[in-house]
C-alpha atoms as a PDB file:
ATOM      1  CA  UNK A   1      76.999  73.399  93.772  1.00  0.00           C
ATOM      2  CA  UNK A   2      76.224  75.917  96.847  1.00  0.00           C
ATOM      3  CA  UNK A   3      79.287  76.334  99.251  1.00  0.00           C
ATOM      4  CA  UNK A   4      77.053  74.764 102.071  1.00  0.00           C
ATOM      5  CA  UNK A   5      76.250  71.715 100.336  1.00  0.00           C
ATOM      6  CA  UNK A   6      80.060  71.414  99.386  1.00  0.00           C
ATOM      7  CA  UNK A   7      81.376  71.991 102.610  1.00  0.00           C
ATOM      8  CA  UNK A   8      81.519  67.914 103.640  1.00  0.00           C
ATOM      9  CA  UNK A   9      84.937  67.247 105.172  1.00  0.00           C
ATOM     10  CA  UNK A  10      86.213  64.565 103.255  1.00  0.00           C
ATOM     11  CA  UNK A  11      85.684  66.746  99.959  1.00  0.00           C
ATOM     12  CA  UNK A  12      87.258  69.968 101.161  1.00  0.00           C
ATOM     13  CA  UNK A  13      90.422  67.445 102.438  1.00  0.00           C
ATOM     14  CA  UNK A  14      90.443  66.262  99.198  1.00  0.00           C
ATOM     15  CA  UNK A  15      90.616  69.349  97.751  1.00  0.00           C
ATOM     16  CA  UNK A  16      92.688  71.405  99.502  1.00  0.00           C
ATOM     17  CA  UNK A  17      94.895  67.979  99.314  1.00  0.00           C
ATOM     18  CA  UNK A  18      95.093  68.573  95.467  1.00  0.00           C
ATOM     19  CA  UNK A  19      96.117  72.107  95.158  1.00  0.00           C
ATOM     20  CA  UNK A  20      98.951  72.012  98.021  1.00  0.00           C
ATOM     21  CA  UNK A  21     101.471  71.917  95.206  1.00  0.00           C
ATOM     22  CA  UNK A  22     100.675  75.458  94.246  1.00  0.00           C
ATOM     23  CA  UNK A  23      98.917  76.727  97.271  1.00  0.00           C
ATOM     24  CA  UNK A  24     101.356  79.621  98.053  1.00  0.00           C
ATOM     25  CA  UNK A  25     101.519  80.746  94.163  1.00  0.00           C
ATOM     26  CA  UNK A  26      97.851  80.873  94.344  1.00  0.00           C
ATOM     27  CA  UNK A  27      97.498  83.155  97.653  1.00  0.00           C
ATOM     28  CA  UNK A  28     100.365  85.398  96.530  1.00  0.00           C
ATOM     29  CA  UNK A  29      99.075  85.519  93.101  1.00  0.00           C
ATOM     30  CA  UNK A  30      95.498  86.101  94.352  1.00  0.00           C
ATOM     31  CA  UNK A  31      95.883  88.193  97.006  1.00  0.00           C
ATOM     32  CA  UNK A  32      98.735  90.834  94.905  1.00  0.00           C
ATOM     33  CA  UNK A  33     101.328  89.919  97.385  1.00  0.00           C
ATOM     34  CA  UNK A  34      98.884  91.206 100.486  1.00  0.00           C
ATOM     35  CA  UNK A  35      98.159  87.769 101.987  1.00  0.00           C
ATOM     36  CA  UNK A  36     101.784  87.313 103.772  1.00  0.00           C
ATOM     37  CA  UNK A  37     100.996  90.854 105.780  1.00  0.00           C
ATOM     38  CA  UNK A  38      97.327  89.772 106.933  1.00  0.00           C
ATOM     39  CA  UNK A  39      99.401  86.804 108.202  1.00  0.00           C
ATOM     40  CA  UNK A  40     101.957  88.630 110.216  1.00  0.00           C
ATOM     41  CA  UNK A  41      99.012  90.987 111.619  1.00  0.00           C
ATOM     42  CA  UNK A  42      96.937  87.942 112.775  1.00  0.00           C
ATOM     43  CA  UNK A  43     100.275  86.444 114.621  1.00  0.00           C
ATOM     44  CA  UNK A  44     100.801  89.685 116.787  1.00  0.00           C
ATOM     45  CA  UNK A  45      97.361  89.544 117.743  1.00  0.00           C
ATOM     46  CA  UNK A  46      97.959  86.020 119.116  1.00  0.00           C
ATOM     47  CA  UNK A  47      99.569  87.660 122.448  1.00  0.00           C
ATOM     48  CA  UNK A  48     101.829  85.004 124.141  1.00  0.00           C
ATOM     49  CA  UNK A  49     104.972  84.133 125.652  1.00  0.00           C
ATOM     50  CA  UNK A  50     107.555  81.744 126.279  1.00  0.00           C
ATOM     51  CA  UNK A  51     106.362  78.237 127.181  1.00  0.00           C
ATOM     52  CA  UNK A  52     103.054  78.755 126.136  1.00  0.00           C
ATOM     53  CA  UNK A  53     101.507  76.522 123.334  1.00  0.00           C
ATOM     54  CA  UNK A  54      99.596  78.168 120.266  1.00  0.00           C
ATOM     55  CA  UNK A  55      97.405  76.212 118.067  1.00  0.00           C
ATOM     56  CA  UNK A  56      97.846  77.286 114.727  1.00  0.00           C
ATOM     57  CA  UNK A  57      94.640  75.787 113.246  1.00  0.00           C
ATOM     58  CA  UNK A  58      93.505  74.685 109.614  1.00  0.00           C
ATOM     59  CA  UNK A  59      97.681  75.885 109.309  1.00  0.00           C
ATOM     60  CA  UNK A  60      97.867  74.780 105.455  1.00  0.00           C
ATOM     61  CA  UNK A  61     101.569  75.215 104.228  1.00  0.00           C
ATOM     62  CA  UNK A  62     103.029  76.823 107.282  1.00  0.00           C
ATOM     63  CA  UNK A  63     102.930  80.431 106.772  1.00  0.00           C
ATOM     64  CA  UNK A  64     101.265  81.373 109.473  1.00  0.00           C
ATOM     65  CA  UNK A  65     103.199  78.983 111.733  1.00  0.00           C
ATOM     66  CA  UNK A  66     106.558  80.453 110.900  1.00  0.00           C
ATOM     67  CA  UNK A  67     105.192  84.059 111.988  1.00  0.00           C
ATOM     68  CA  UNK A  68     103.752  82.802 115.118  1.00  0.00           C
ATOM     69  CA  UNK A  69     106.815  81.009 115.712  1.00  0.00           C
ATOM     70  CA  UNK A  70     109.079  83.896 114.290  1.00  0.00           C
ATOM     71  CA  UNK A  71     106.549  86.552 116.972  1.00  0.00           C
ATOM     72  CA  UNK A  72     106.889  84.016 119.960  1.00  0.00           C
ATOM     73  CA  UNK A  73     110.489  82.617 120.594  1.00  0.00           C
ATOM     74  CA  UNK A  74     110.128  80.339 123.266  1.00  0.00           C
ATOM     75  CA  UNK A  75     106.761  79.322 122.139  1.00  0.00           C
ATOM     76  CA  UNK A  76     105.837  76.096 120.801  1.00  0.00           C
ATOM     77  CA  UNK A  77     103.630  76.329 117.440  1.00  0.00           C
ATOM     78  CA  UNK A  78     101.175  73.500 116.857  1.00  0.00           C
ATOM     79  CA  UNK A  79     100.876  73.721 113.159  1.00  0.00           C
ATOM     80  CA  UNK A  80      97.372  71.418 112.535  1.00  0.00           C
ATOM     81  CA  UNK A  81      95.745  70.727 109.741  1.00  0.00           C
ATOM     82  CA  UNK A  82      93.340  67.739 108.263  1.00  0.00           C
ATOM     83  CA  UNK A  83      95.082  67.720 105.159  1.00  0.00           C
ATOM     84  CA  UNK A  84      98.349  65.423 105.080  1.00  0.00           C
ATOM     85  CA  UNK A  85      99.979  67.277 101.088  1.00  0.00           C
ATOM     86  CA  UNK A  86      99.867  70.465 103.393  1.00  0.00           C
ATOM     87  CA  UNK A  87     101.286  69.598 106.431  1.00  0.00           C
ATOM     88  CA  UNK A  88     104.115  68.145 104.089  1.00  0.00           C
ATOM     89  CA  UNK A  89     104.548  71.380 102.584  1.00  0.00           C
ATOM     90  CA  UNK A  90     104.669  72.777 105.730  1.00  0.00           C
ATOM     91  CA  UNK A  91     107.108  70.554 107.496  1.00  0.00           C
ATOM     92  CA  UNK A  92     109.262  71.637 104.169  1.00  0.00           C
ATOM     93  CA  UNK A  93     108.903  75.485 104.793  1.00  0.00           C
ATOM     94  CA  UNK A  94     109.499  75.628 108.432  1.00  0.00           C
ATOM     95  CA  UNK A  95     112.886  73.498 107.977  1.00  0.00           C
ATOM     96  CA  UNK A  96     114.068  76.340 105.643  1.00  0.00           C
ATOM     97  CA  UNK A  97     113.006  79.510 107.744  1.00  0.00           C
ATOM     98  CA  UNK A  98     114.447  77.580 110.555  1.00  0.00           C
ATOM     99  CA  UNK A  99     111.757  77.311 112.881  1.00  0.00           C
ATOM    100  CA  UNK A 100     111.053  73.607 112.686  1.00  0.00           C
ATOM    101  CA  UNK A 101     112.530  73.331 116.587  1.00  0.00           C
ATOM    102  CA  UNK A 102     109.559  75.732 117.824  1.00  0.00           C
ATOM    103  CA  UNK A 103     106.818  73.885 115.473  1.00  0.00           C
ATOM    104  CA  UNK A 104     104.963  70.463 116.198  1.00  0.00           C
ATOM    105  CA  UNK A 105     102.979  69.179 113.095  1.00  0.00           C
ATOM    106  CA  UNK A 106      99.798  67.491 113.631  1.00  0.00           C
ATOM    107  CA  UNK A 107      97.455  66.090 111.295  1.00  0.00           C
ATOM    108  CA  UNK A 108      94.277  66.715 113.035  1.00  0.00           C
ATOM    109  CA  UNK A 109      90.425  67.945 112.235  1.00  0.00           C
ATOM    110  CA  UNK A 110      89.169  71.426 113.884  1.00  0.00           C
ATOM    111  CA  UNK A 111      85.872  69.997 114.752  1.00  0.00           C
ATOM    112  CA  UNK A 112      87.473  66.952 116.974  1.00  0.00           C
ATOM    113  CA  UNK A 113      90.880  67.863 118.250  1.00  0.00           C
ATOM    114  CA  UNK A 114      93.122  65.960 120.225  1.00  0.00           C
ATOM    115  CA  UNK A 115      93.790  68.444 123.393  1.00  0.00           C
ATOM    116  CA  UNK A 116      92.707  68.198 126.928  1.00  0.00           C
ATOM    117  CA  UNK A 117      90.708  70.961 128.078  1.00  0.00           C
ATOM    118  CA  UNK A 118      92.381  73.872 128.685  1.00  0.00           C
ATOM    119  CA  UNK A 119      95.672  73.128 127.193  1.00  0.00           C
ATOM    120  CA  UNK A 120      96.597  75.912 124.783  1.00  0.00           C
ATOM    121  CA  UNK A 121      97.060  79.516 125.584  1.00  0.00           C
ATOM    122  CA  UNK A 122      96.190  80.892 121.777  1.00  0.00           C
ATOM    123  CA  UNK A 123      94.308  79.544 118.503  1.00  0.00           C
ATOM    124  CA  UNK A 124      94.874  81.218 115.538  1.00  0.00           C
ATOM    125  CA  UNK A 125      93.080  80.289 112.443  1.00  0.00           C
ATOM    126  CA  UNK A 126      93.874  81.804 109.273  1.00  0.00           C
ATOM    127  CA  UNK A 127      91.178  81.028 106.399  1.00  0.00           C
ATOM    128  CA  UNK A 128      90.281  78.652 107.588  1.00  0.00           C
ATOM    129  CA  UNK A 129      87.024  78.971 109.870  1.00  0.00           C
ATOM    130  CA  UNK A 130      84.697  79.013 106.572  1.00  0.00           C
ATOM    131  CA  UNK A 131      85.348  75.311 105.686  1.00  0.00           C
ATOM    132  CA  UNK A 132      84.151  74.346 109.284  1.00  0.00           C
ATOM    133  CA  UNK A 133      81.522  71.781 108.615  1.00  0.00           C
ATOM    134  CA  UNK A 134      79.704  72.837 111.467  1.00  0.00           C
ATOM    135  CA  UNK A 135      80.634  76.934 112.392  1.00  0.00           C
ATOM    136  CA  UNK A 136      79.479  77.011 115.775  1.00  0.00           C
ATOM    137  CA  UNK A 137      80.703  73.404 116.917  1.00  0.00           C
ATOM    138  CA  UNK A 138      84.245  74.594 115.601  1.00  0.00           C
ATOM    139  CA  UNK A 139      84.073  77.238 117.790  1.00  0.00           C
ATOM    140  CA  UNK A 140      82.865  75.214 120.553  1.00  0.00           C
ATOM    141  CA  UNK A 141      85.654  72.994 120.037  1.00  0.00           C
ATOM    142  CA  UNK A 142      88.272  75.762 119.999  1.00  0.00           C
ATOM    143  CA  UNK A 143      86.824  77.097 123.264  1.00  0.00           C
ATOM    144  CA  UNK A 144      87.291  74.067 124.856  1.00  0.00           C
ATOM    145  CA  UNK A 145      91.416  73.686 124.427  1.00  0.00           C
ATOM    146  CA  UNK A 146      91.771  77.325 125.495  1.00  0.00           C
ATOM    147  CA  UNK A 147      93.004  78.099 128.573  1.00  0.00           C
ATOM    148  CA  UNK A 148      91.165  80.437 130.660  1.00  0.00           C
ATOM    149  CA  UNK A 149      92.063  83.893 129.282  1.00  0.00           C
ATOM    150  CA  UNK A 150      93.171  82.082 126.314  1.00  0.00           C
ATOM    151  CA  UNK A 151      92.612  84.238 122.754  1.00  0.00           C
ATOM    152  CA  UNK A 152      91.220  83.325 119.343  1.00  0.00           C
ATOM    153  CA  UNK A 153      92.611  85.319 116.509  1.00  0.00           C
ATOM    154  CA  UNK A 154      90.681  84.656 113.059  1.00  0.00           C
ATOM    155  CA  UNK A 155      91.872  85.801 109.758  1.00  0.00           C
ATOM    156  CA  UNK A 156      89.097  85.811 107.255  1.00  0.00           C
ATOM    157  CA  UNK A 157      87.532  87.292 104.393  1.00  0.00           C
ATOM    158  CA  UNK A 158      85.330  89.513 104.468  1.00  0.00           C
ATOM    159  CA  UNK A 159      83.639  92.061 101.889  1.00  0.00           C
ATOM    160  CA  UNK A 160      84.161  95.796 101.842  1.00  0.00           C
ATOM    161  CA  UNK A 161      81.326  98.193 102.730  1.00  0.00           C
ATOM    162  CA  UNK A 162      82.344 100.935 100.425  1.00  0.00           C
ATOM    163  CA  UNK A 163      80.449 101.386  97.539  1.00  0.00           C
ATOM    164  CA  UNK A 164      83.222 101.316  94.539  1.00  0.00           C
ATOM    165  CA  UNK A 165      85.494  98.871  96.541  1.00  0.00           C
ATOM    166  CA  UNK A 166      82.206  96.552  96.912  1.00  0.00           C
ATOM    167  CA  UNK A 167      81.622  96.363  93.265  1.00  0.00           C
ATOM    168  CA  UNK A 168      85.383  95.877  91.940  1.00  0.00           C
ATOM    169  CA  UNK A 169      85.586  93.264  94.486  1.00  0.00           C
ATOM    170  CA  UNK A 170      82.096  91.493  93.715  1.00  0.00           C
ATOM    171  CA  UNK A 171      83.259  91.185  90.179  1.00  0.00           C
ATOM    172  CA  UNK A 172      86.773  90.155  90.939  1.00  0.00           C
ATOM    173  CA  UNK A 173      84.770  87.572  93.303  1.00  0.00           C
ATOM    174  CA  UNK A 174      82.645  86.658  90.780  1.00  0.00           C
ATOM    175  CA  UNK A 175      84.361  86.528  87.859  1.00  0.00           C
ATOM    176  CA  UNK A 176      88.043  86.405  88.257  1.00  0.00           C
ATOM    177  CA  UNK A 177      89.115  84.661  90.574  1.00  0.00           C
ATOM    178  CA  UNK A 178      87.544  81.113  90.449  1.00  0.00           C
ATOM    179  CA  UNK A 179      89.232  81.393  86.858  1.00  0.00           C
ATOM    180  CA  UNK A 180      92.717  82.683  87.736  1.00  0.00           C
ATOM    181  CA  UNK A 181      92.807  80.346  90.575  1.00  0.00           C
ATOM    182  CA  UNK A 182      92.009  77.257  89.168  1.00  0.00           C
ATOM    183  CA  UNK A 183      94.418  78.054  86.040  1.00  0.00           C
ATOM    184  CA  UNK A 184      97.014  78.805  88.986  1.00  0.00           C
ATOM    185  CA  UNK A 185      96.393  75.908  90.956  1.00  0.00           C
ATOM    186  CA  UNK A 186      96.179  73.668  87.772  1.00  0.00           C
ATOM    187  CA  UNK A 187      93.093  72.279  89.430  1.00  0.00           C
ATOM    188  CA  UNK A 188      89.381  72.892  88.420  1.00  0.00           C
ATOM    189  CA  UNK A 189      86.417  73.972  91.253  1.00  0.00           C
ATOM    190  CA  UNK A 190      88.719  74.595  94.170  1.00  0.00           C
ATOM    191  CA  UNK A 191      88.495  79.032  93.843  1.00  0.00           C
ATOM    192  CA  UNK A 192      84.627  79.024  92.561  1.00  0.00           C
ATOM    193  CA  UNK A 193      83.894  77.056  96.073  1.00  0.00           C
ATOM    194  CA  UNK A 194      86.733  79.790  97.655  1.00  0.00           C
ATOM    195  CA  UNK A 195      84.623  82.686  96.088  1.00  0.00           C
ATOM    196  CA  UNK A 196      81.030  80.895  96.875  1.00  0.00           C
ATOM    197  CA  UNK A 197      82.177  80.631 101.011  1.00  0.00           C
ATOM    198  CA  UNK A 198      83.276  83.898 101.157  1.00  0.00           C
ATOM    199  CA  UNK A 199      79.773  84.976  99.564  1.00  0.00           C
ATOM    200  CA  UNK A 200      78.108  82.726 102.369  1.00  0.00           C
ATOM    201  CA  UNK A 201      79.937  83.918 105.257  1.00  0.00           C
ATOM    202  CA  UNK A 202      79.057  85.879 108.309  1.00  0.00           C
ATOM    203  CA  UNK A 203      79.930  89.841 108.172  1.00  0.00           C
ATOM    204  CA  UNK A 204      82.214  91.024 111.280  1.00  0.00           C
ATOM    205  CA  UNK A 205      79.207  91.484 113.112  1.00  0.00           C
ATOM    206  CA  UNK A 206      77.035  88.375 112.356  1.00  0.00           C
ATOM    207  CA  UNK A 207      80.434  86.357 112.956  1.00  0.00           C
ATOM    208  CA  UNK A 208      80.780  88.122 116.607  1.00  0.00           C
ATOM    209  CA  UNK A 209      77.209  87.283 117.677  1.00  0.00           C
ATOM    210  CA  UNK A 210      78.123  83.393 116.685  1.00  0.00           C
ATOM    211  CA  UNK A 211      81.556  83.757 118.655  1.00  0.00           C
ATOM    212  CA  UNK A 212      79.680  85.221 121.764  1.00  0.00           C
ATOM    213  CA  UNK A 213      76.967  82.690 121.542  1.00  0.00           C
ATOM    214  CA  UNK A 214      79.680  79.550 121.351  1.00  0.00           C
ATOM    215  CA  UNK A 215      80.958  81.404 125.181  1.00  0.00           C
ATOM    216  CA  UNK A 216      83.760  83.938 123.905  1.00  0.00           C
ATOM    217  CA  UNK A 217      84.042  87.203 125.462  1.00  0.00           C
ATOM    218  CA  UNK A 218      85.958  90.382 124.467  1.00  0.00           C
ATOM    219  CA  UNK A 219      85.088  89.990 120.746  1.00  0.00           C
ATOM    220  CA  UNK A 220      85.865  92.300 118.177  1.00  0.00           C
ATOM    221  CA  UNK A 221      87.236  92.874 114.436  1.00  0.00           C
ATOM    222  CA  UNK A 222      89.712  94.956 112.632  1.00  0.00           C
ATOM    223  CA  UNK A 223      89.186  95.334 108.733  1.00  0.00           C
ATOM    224  CA  UNK A 224      92.203  95.206 106.891  1.00  0.00           C
ATOM    225  CA  UNK A 225      92.543  96.343 102.897  1.00  0.00           C
ATOM    226  CA  UNK A 226      89.418  97.908 102.878  1.00  0.00           C
ATOM    227  CA  UNK A 227      87.701  95.311 104.374  1.00  0.00           C
ATOM    228  CA  UNK A 228      88.799  92.621 101.967  1.00  0.00           C
ATOM    229  CA  UNK A 229      90.016  90.741 104.877  1.00  0.00           C
ATOM    230  CA  UNK A 230      89.387  91.124 108.930  1.00  0.00           C
ATOM    231  CA  UNK A 231      91.507  90.344 111.891  1.00  0.00           C
ATOM    232  CA  UNK A 232      89.020  88.745 114.476  1.00  0.00           C
ATOM    233  CA  UNK A 233      89.401  88.134 117.910  1.00  0.00           C
ATOM    234  CA  UNK A 234      88.066  86.978 121.094  1.00  0.00           C
ATOM    235  CA  UNK A 235      88.842  85.388 124.593  1.00  0.00           C
ATOM    236  CA  UNK A 236      87.738  82.467 126.611  1.00  0.00           C
ATOM    237  CA  UNK A 237      86.470  83.997 130.459  1.00  0.00           C
ATOM    238  CA  UNK A 238      87.551  82.395 133.576  1.00  0.00           C
END
């Protein structure tokens, strides 16, 4: 089934809920331990000050929320996801890392955020926008809740442009990741879905165009780890 056809919100919610228990382990194994550094880089891009609200959207088990809380002391991090089992794991992690007092958990759909217009100072999304049922609509919803001058940071998988790394990565994505991911997670199917959505996701220049069309300005991106992932940034104008 093509990823575009399987990106039904109820299906995606169920899928992520099913892998929540081993989600962190799968992330570490499949990224060879690089995912923690990627999240720290994304958190650093979300410039914010005391008393500001940073929304960690599609927060999963809270790894990025921890980094945001540590790098933005004095502010509030809203850790939002629509898969309840993920938030259960996130709550335990935030308590364990002693940042729960600076974080709030929120079960919410990214396309229908329960915030008033111009409420949050920054929105950070790690490996989540690929799962939006409607990418332009999701980006417009993010734009709605951002304050003027607010920053969007998107950490997302990409595809390397170098010939050698591109071939190795394609082989890993097509043949290794789905089987290894399913084995580590104990669930059949989610990591085949992951591979398909990476293949279908816009390249950085194309995503930049989508961001501009949604109303964002100052759009840019930085490749990490040879272009396997990119940190995309954008600003809401005044």
